[in-house]
């Protein structure tokens, strides 16, 4: 079984691995590559894999990560202030959000859809790869999560 324990910069990959965002957020797990072979991801804790990342093994084998299509909601509006208001409310709920020109995307949730519609956005549900923004405390790399040095205080949203 291949053990992929580091990220490789550039280059090609031997095989592919298609994972949901939730699975790409776990740095240590057993996986099944797209060719059906078993492997182990043993990346540094906090690593979040992005579409196109290439984990490597000690023996030089590589695999290219592909973001799986997931059920997502895309909320859109032409007014930037309305989009910002929706982003604020989603962020206040600690919802991972992908941001594009004129739209916000999050993993589908009918309650969040209703919130965005209530703010005046149109919401469309579809199957698409999900690539949310890195957290503000992620340090700009492929690390996402809450370690002692990067954690922010949690608070209630009552």
Protein backbone atom coordinates (compact mmCIF):
# COMPACT_ATOMS: atom_id res chain seq x y z
CA UNK A 1 0.00 0.00 0.00
CA UNK A 2 1.35 3.42 -0.97
CA UNK A 3 1.77 5.94 1.83
CA UNK A 4 1.58 9.55 0.66
CA UNK A 5 3.20 11.71 3.32
CA UNK A 6 4.22 14.99 1.66
CA UNK A 7 3.15 17.39 -1.09
CA UNK A 8 5.19 17.58 -4.29
CA UNK A 9 5.62 20.91 -6.08
CA UNK A 10 4.64 20.78 -9.74
CA UNK A 11 5.34 17.79 -11.90
CA UNK A 12 3.07 15.06 -13.13
CA UNK A 13 1.33 12.34 -11.16
CA UNK A 14 1.16 8.60 -11.65
CA UNK A 15 -2.51 8.27 -10.68
CA UNK A 16 -5.51 10.31 -9.48
CA UNK A 17 -7.50 10.51 -6.25
CA UNK A 18 -10.97 12.09 -6.28
CA UNK A 19 -12.22 13.28 -2.88
CA UNK A 20 -14.96 15.47 -1.45
CA UNK A 21 -13.98 18.64 0.42
CA UNK A 22 -14.63 16.93 3.76
CA UNK A 23 -12.25 14.10 2.82
CA UNK A 24 -9.66 16.56 1.43
CA UNK A 25 -9.75 18.25 4.86
CA UNK A 26 -8.53 15.11 6.65
CA UNK A 27 -4.77 14.73 6.52
CA UNK A 28 -4.62 11.13 7.77
CA UNK A 29 -6.88 8.51 6.24
CA UNK A 30 -7.12 5.36 4.16
CA UNK A 31 -8.23 6.12 0.60
CA UNK A 32 -9.04 4.26 -2.60
CA UNK A 33 -7.36 5.78 -5.64
CA UNK A 34 -9.37 6.21 -8.83
CA UNK A 35 -7.71 3.07 -10.26
CA UNK A 36 -9.09 1.04 -7.32
CA UNK A 37 -5.83 0.62 -5.40
CA UNK A 38 -5.67 1.29 -1.67
CA UNK A 39 -3.39 3.96 -0.22
CA UNK A 40 -2.81 5.90 2.95
CA UNK A 41 -2.66 9.67 3.31
CA UNK A 42 -0.32 10.53 6.19
CA UNK A 43 0.20 14.24 5.53
CA UNK A 44 1.16 16.78 8.20
CA UNK A 45 -1.76 17.46 10.52
CA UNK A 46 -3.93 20.34 9.35
CA UNK A 47 -3.16 19.83 5.66
CA UNK A 48 -6.11 20.57 3.39
CA UNK A 49 -5.74 19.16 -0.09
CA UNK A 50 -6.82 21.32 -3.01
CA UNK A 51 -7.80 20.30 -6.51
CA UNK A 52 -4.55 19.71 -8.39
CA UNK A 53 -2.34 19.07 -5.33
CA UNK A 54 0.13 16.21 -5.71
CA UNK A 55 0.91 14.12 -2.63
CA UNK A 56 4.05 12.00 -2.89
CA UNK A 57 5.43 8.87 -1.26
CA UNK A 58 8.95 8.13 -0.01
CA UNK A 59 9.59 5.92 -3.05
CA UNK A 60 8.70 8.73 -5.49
CA UNK A 61 5.16 7.71 -6.40
CA UNK A 62 2.66 10.54 -6.78
CA UNK A 63 -1.08 11.02 -7.06
CA UNK A 64 -2.99 14.09 -8.32
CA UNK A 65 -5.94 15.14 -6.16
CA UNK A 66 -9.21 15.97 -7.89
CA UNK A 67 -12.09 17.74 -6.17
CA UNK A 68 -15.19 15.55 -6.37
CA UNK A 69 -18.49 16.98 -7.51
CA UNK A 70 -20.70 17.61 -4.47
CA UNK A 71 -24.17 18.99 -3.91
CA UNK A 72 -23.57 22.72 -3.46
CA UNK A 73 -25.68 25.85 -3.37
CA UNK A 74 -24.56 28.88 -5.34
CA UNK A 75 -26.08 32.15 -4.10
CA UNK A 76 -25.80 35.06 -6.53
CA UNK A 77 -26.55 38.76 -6.64
CA UNK A 78 -25.34 41.65 -8.79
CA UNK A 79 -24.98 44.01 -5.80
CA UNK A 80 -21.62 43.55 -3.99
CA UNK A 81 -23.07 44.86 -0.69
CA UNK A 82 -25.76 42.16 -0.76
CA UNK A 83 -23.11 39.50 -1.40
CA UNK A 84 -21.01 40.87 1.45
CA UNK A 85 -24.01 40.76 3.78
CA UNK A 86 -24.62 37.10 2.87
CA UNK A 87 -20.90 36.28 3.28
CA UNK A 88 -20.99 37.90 6.73
CA UNK A 89 -23.96 35.80 7.83
CA UNK A 90 -22.48 32.57 6.44
CA UNK A 91 -19.12 33.32 8.05
CA UNK A 92 -20.81 34.08 11.35
CA UNK A 93 -22.05 30.47 11.20
CA UNK A 94 -18.54 29.17 10.39
CA UNK A 95 -19.72 27.91 6.99
CA UNK A 96 -16.90 27.25 4.50
CA UNK A 97 -17.59 29.44 1.46
CA UNK A 98 -16.19 29.54 -2.06
CA UNK A 99 -16.24 33.05 -3.51
CA UNK A 100 -16.54 33.95 -7.17
CA UNK A 101 -17.50 37.03 -9.20
CA UNK A 102 -21.08 37.77 -8.19
CA UNK A 103 -21.62 34.55 -6.22
CA UNK A 104 -20.97 32.58 -3.03
CA UNK A 105 -20.95 28.75 -2.92
CA UNK A 106 -21.37 26.47 0.09
CA UNK A 107 -22.26 22.84 0.70
CA UNK A 108 -25.99 22.56 0.15
CA UNK A 109 -28.15 23.22 3.20
CA UNK A 110 -31.80 24.21 2.86
CA UNK A 111 -31.60 26.46 5.96
CA UNK A 112 -28.67 28.40 4.47
CA UNK A 113 -30.50 28.56 1.14
CA UNK A 114 -33.47 30.16 2.93
CA UNK A 115 -31.16 32.63 4.69
CA UNK A 116 -29.60 33.72 1.37
CA UNK A 117 -32.97 33.97 -0.37
CA UNK A 118 -34.21 36.05 2.56
CA UNK A 119 -31.31 38.44 1.93
CA UNK A 120 -32.39 38.78 -1.72
CA UNK A 121 -29.96 36.37 -3.41
CA UNK A 122 -30.95 33.78 -5.98
CA UNK A 123 -29.89 30.25 -5.02
CA UNK A 124 -29.20 27.38 -7.41
CA UNK A 125 -28.39 23.83 -6.30
CA UNK A 126 -26.04 21.75 -8.47
CA UNK A 127 -23.32 19.11 -8.43
CA UNK A 128 -19.95 20.90 -8.63
CA UNK A 129 -16.45 20.64 -7.14
CA UNK A 130 -16.24 22.68 -3.92
CA UNK A 131 -13.12 24.76 -3.22
CA UNK A 132 -13.83 27.08 -0.26
CA UNK A 133 -11.53 29.85 0.88
CA UNK A 134 -8.72 28.97 3.26
CA UNK A 135 -9.45 30.09 6.80
CA UNK A 136 -8.18 33.49 7.89
CA UNK A 137 -5.86 31.73 10.34
CA UNK A 138 -4.54 29.21 7.82
CA UNK A 139 -1.33 31.13 7.14
CA UNK A 140 -1.77 31.11 3.37
CA UNK A 141 -0.60 27.51 2.88
CA UNK A 142 -2.36 24.20 2.64
CA UNK A 143 -2.95 24.08 6.37
CA UNK A 144 -6.41 24.62 7.73
CA UNK A 145 -7.63 23.94 11.18
CA UNK A 146 -7.34 25.02 14.74
CA UNK A 147 -4.01 24.36 16.44
CA UNK A 148 -2.93 26.12 19.60
CA UNK A 149 -1.05 28.84 17.70
CA UNK A 150 -3.84 29.53 15.21
CA UNK A 151 -7.07 29.00 17.08
CA UNK A 152 -9.55 31.79 17.47
CA UNK A 153 -11.88 31.96 20.43
CA UNK A 154 -15.25 30.35 19.86
CA UNK A 155 -18.42 32.10 20.79
CA UNK A 156 -22.11 31.36 20.84
CA UNK A 157 -24.43 32.55 18.09
CA UNK A 158 -27.60 32.78 20.17
